[in-house]
Amino acid sequence: MTDTLTTHARLTEIVQGNDVVLFMKGTPLFPQCGFSSKAVAILERLGVEYASVDVLQDMEIRQGIKAFSDWPTIPQLYVKGEFVGGSDIMMEMYQAGELETLMHDAGVARA
């Protein structure tokens, strides 16, 4: 139970401590799956500054983020502490212009 609380506290700190954070497999420079690569590409196109967390480096974070968001897959995007979704949702929102609007409304869009 302590490990779960510790992991949850770590995730809360990461999510609340960054305006935009992407939990992904790999890094933005070297994504380790196609879905993470797609998520990075979307954020790069939007010109948004974001933090990234490589879930492959920490098994507790990798499993914990799924429970934290109640979402079974990675990558996962958070904006201003709120879970947005995975790469498919990001792509749908990007194509509809909704993701850019969300970033703008959150005050994290490019100037």
C-alpha atoms as a PDB file:
ATOM      1  CA  MET A   1       0.000   0.000   0.000  1.00  0.00           C
ATOM      2  CA  THR A   2       2.843   2.385   0.786  1.00  0.00           C
ATOM      3  CA  ASP A   3       4.356   1.857  -2.672  1.00  0.00           C
ATOM      4  CA  THR A   4       0.992   2.649  -4.276  1.00  0.00           C
ATOM      5  CA  LEU A   5       0.640   5.838  -2.253  1.00  0.00           C
ATOM      6  CA  THR A   6       4.214   6.806  -3.009  1.00  0.00           C
ATOM      7  CA  THR A   7       3.716   6.215  -6.732  1.00  0.00           C
ATOM      8  CA  HIS A   8       0.429   8.134  -6.664  1.00  0.00           C
ATOM      9  CA  ALA A   9       2.133  11.016  -4.846  1.00  0.00           C
ATOM     10  CA  ARG A  10       4.970  11.021  -7.403  1.00  0.00           C
ATOM     11  CA  LEU A  11       2.480  11.075 -10.274  1.00  0.00           C
ATOM     12  CA  THR A  12       0.484  13.873  -8.653  1.00  0.00           C
ATOM     13  CA  GLU A  13       3.667  15.901  -8.251  1.00  0.00           C
ATOM     14  CA  ILE A  14       4.648  15.365 -11.901  1.00  0.00           C
ATOM     15  CA  VAL A  15       1.190  16.150 -13.284  1.00  0.00           C
ATOM     16  CA  GLN A  16       0.624  19.200 -11.100  1.00  0.00           C
ATOM     17  CA  GLY A  17       4.198  20.436 -11.414  1.00  0.00           C
ATOM     18  CA  ASN A  18       4.127  20.770 -15.208  1.00  0.00           C
ATOM     19  CA  ASP A  19       1.693  22.696 -17.396  1.00  0.00           C
ATOM     20  CA  VAL A  20       1.917  19.999 -20.071  1.00  0.00           C
ATOM     21  CA  VAL A  21       3.309  16.525 -19.476  1.00  0.00           C
ATOM     22  CA  LEU A  22       3.455  13.494 -21.734  1.00  0.00           C
ATOM     23  CA  PHE A  23       3.919  10.055 -20.221  1.00  0.00           C
ATOM     24  CA  MET A  24       5.445   8.079 -23.057  1.00  0.00           C
ATOM     25  CA  LYS A  25       7.624   5.158 -24.044  1.00  0.00           C
ATOM     26  CA  GLY A  26      11.065   6.581 -24.712  1.00  0.00           C
ATOM     27  CA  THR A  27      11.988  10.227 -25.017  1.00  0.00           C
ATOM     28  CA  PRO A  28      10.910  12.980 -27.417  1.00  0.00           C
ATOM     29  CA  LEU A  29      14.205  12.558 -29.278  1.00  0.00           C
ATOM     30  CA  PHE A  30      13.951   8.762 -29.310  1.00  0.00           C
ATOM     31  CA  PRO A  31      10.350   7.528 -28.946  1.00  0.00           C
ATOM     32  CA  GLN A  32      10.136   3.784 -28.394  1.00  0.00           C
ATOM     33  CA  CYS A  33       6.723   3.183 -29.964  1.00  0.00           C
ATOM     34  CA  GLY A  34       4.701   4.591 -32.819  1.00  0.00           C
ATOM     35  CA  PHE A  35       1.989   5.976 -30.568  1.00  0.00           C
ATOM     36  CA  SER A  36       4.520   7.919 -28.485  1.00  0.00           C
ATOM     37  CA  SER A  37       6.137   9.166 -31.691  1.00  0.00           C
ATOM     38  CA  LYS A  38       2.748  10.374 -32.946  1.00  0.00           C
ATOM     39  CA  ALA A  39       2.038  12.174 -29.644  1.00  0.00           C
ATOM     40  CA  VAL A  40       5.432  13.924 -29.738  1.00  0.00           C
ATOM     41  CA  ALA A  41       4.881  14.977 -33.357  1.00  0.00           C
ATOM     42  CA  ILE A  42       1.523  16.535 -32.479  1.00  0.00           C
ATOM     43  CA  LEU A  43       2.972  18.514 -29.575  1.00  0.00           C
ATOM     44  CA  GLU A  44       5.911  19.623 -31.725  1.00  0.00           C
ATOM     45  CA  ARG A  45       3.545  20.823 -34.479  1.00  0.00           C
ATOM     46  CA  LEU A  46       1.649  22.837 -31.892  1.00  0.00           C
ATOM     47  CA  GLY A  47       4.902  24.346 -30.630  1.00  0.00           C
ATOM     48  CA  VAL A  48       3.984  23.573 -27.032  1.00  0.00           C
ATOM     49  CA  GLU A  49       6.633  23.272 -24.339  1.00  0.00           C
ATOM     50  CA  TYR A  50       6.099  20.063 -22.402  1.00  0.00           C
ATOM     51  CA  ALA A  51       7.731  17.741 -19.927  1.00  0.00           C
ATOM     52  CA  SER A  52       8.040  14.072 -20.768  1.00  0.00           C
ATOM     53  CA  VAL A  53       8.289  11.001 -18.592  1.00  0.00           C
ATOM     54  CA  ASP A  54       9.810   7.817 -20.021  1.00  0.00           C
ATOM     55  CA  VAL A  55       7.680   5.079 -18.461  1.00  0.00           C
ATOM     56  CA  LEU A  56      10.154   2.442 -19.652  1.00  0.00           C
ATOM     57  CA  GLN A  57      12.635   3.730 -17.067  1.00  0.00           C
ATOM     58  CA  ASP A  58      10.348   3.176 -14.059  1.00  0.00           C
ATOM     59  CA  MET A  59       7.989   0.195 -13.818  1.00  0.00           C
ATOM     60  CA  GLU A  60       6.085   1.728 -10.877  1.00  0.00           C
ATOM     61  CA  ILE A  61       5.330   4.844 -12.947  1.00  0.00           C
ATOM     62  CA  ARG A  62       4.495   2.706 -15.995  1.00  0.00           C
ATOM     63  CA  GLN A  63       1.870   0.728 -14.093  1.00  0.00           C
ATOM     64  CA  GLY A  64       0.853   3.523 -11.758  1.00  0.00           C
ATOM     65  CA  ILE A  65      -0.040   6.014 -14.482  1.00  0.00           C
ATOM     66  CA  LYS A  66      -2.642   3.588 -15.829  1.00  0.00           C
ATOM     67  CA  ALA A  67      -4.415   3.485 -12.463  1.00  0.00           C
ATOM     68  CA  PHE A  68      -3.866   7.211 -11.880  1.00  0.00           C
ATOM     69  CA  SER A  69      -5.752   8.143 -15.058  1.00  0.00           C
ATOM     70  CA  ASP A  70      -7.948   5.040 -15.258  1.00  0.00           C
ATOM     71  CA  TRP A  71      -6.642   4.749 -18.829  1.00  0.00           C
ATOM     72  CA  PRO A  72      -5.019   1.480 -19.947  1.00  0.00           C
ATOM     73  CA  THR A  73      -2.544   2.682 -22.551  1.00  0.00           C
ATOM     74  CA  ILE A  74       0.515   4.876 -22.942  1.00  0.00           C
ATOM     75  CA  PRO A  75       1.185   7.607 -24.068  1.00  0.00           C
ATOM     76  CA  GLN A  76      -0.930   9.824 -21.859  1.00  0.00           C
ATOM     77  CA  LEU A  77      -1.166  13.609 -22.092  1.00  0.00           C
ATOM     78  CA  TYR A  78      -1.962  15.932 -19.188  1.00  0.00           C
ATOM     79  CA  VAL A  79      -2.582  19.666 -19.516  1.00  0.00           C
ATOM     80  CA  LYS A  80      -2.757  21.834 -16.388  1.00  0.00           C
ATOM     81  CA  GLY A  81      -3.255  18.752 -14.243  1.00  0.00           C
ATOM     82  CA  GLU A  82      -6.097  17.331 -16.340  1.00  0.00           C
ATOM     83  CA  PHE A  83      -5.906  14.072 -18.285  1.00  0.00           C
ATOM     84  CA  VAL A  84      -6.508  14.690 -21.996  1.00  0.00           C
ATOM     85  CA  GLY A  85      -6.012  11.227 -23.502  1.00  0.00           C
ATOM     86  CA  GLY A  86      -3.724   9.044 -25.548  1.00  0.00           C
ATOM     87  CA  SER A  87      -2.317   9.484 -29.030  1.00  0.00           C
ATOM     88  CA  ASP A  88      -5.552   8.633 -30.859  1.00  0.00           C
ATOM     89  CA  ILE A  89      -7.537  11.191 -28.878  1.00  0.00           C
ATOM     90  CA  MET A  90      -4.720  13.689 -29.330  1.00  0.00           C
ATOM     91  CA  MET A  91      -4.812  13.122 -33.107  1.00  0.00           C
ATOM     92  CA  GLU A  92      -8.591  13.513 -33.292  1.00  0.00           C
ATOM     93  CA  MET A  93      -8.451  16.695 -31.218  1.00  0.00           C
ATOM     94  CA  TYR A  94      -5.512  18.032 -33.258  1.00  0.00           C
ATOM     95  CA  GLN A  95      -7.250  17.419 -36.574  1.00  0.00           C
ATOM     96  CA  ALA A  96     -10.422  19.109 -35.316  1.00  0.00           C
ATOM     97  CA  GLY A  97      -8.457  22.093 -33.980  1.00  0.00           C
ATOM     98  CA  GLU A  98      -9.581  21.254 -30.448  1.00  0.00           C
ATOM     99  CA  LEU A  99      -6.125  20.468 -29.077  1.00  0.00           C
ATOM    100  CA  GLU A 100      -4.744  23.813 -30.206  1.00  0.00           C
ATOM    101  CA  THR A 101      -7.755  25.526 -28.612  1.00  0.00           C
ATOM    102  CA  LEU A 102      -7.233  23.568 -25.396  1.00  0.00           C
ATOM    103  CA  MET A 103      -3.565  24.591 -25.277  1.00  0.00           C
ATOM    104  CA  HIS A 104      -4.454  28.213 -25.978  1.00  0.00           C
ATOM    105  CA  ASP A 105      -7.190  28.261 -23.330  1.00  0.00           C
ATOM    106  CA  ALA A 106      -4.771  26.689 -20.831  1.00  0.00           C
ATOM    107  CA  GLY A 107      -2.249  29.426 -21.580  1.00  0.00           C
ATOM    108  CA  VAL A 108       0.403  27.063 -22.892  1.00  0.00           C
ATOM    109  CA  ALA A 109       0.088  27.661 -26.632  1.00  0.00           C
ATOM    110  CA  ARG A 110       2.933  29.145 -28.610  1.00  0.00           C
ATOM    111  CA  ALA A 111       2.950  32.913 -28.706  1.00  0.00           C
END
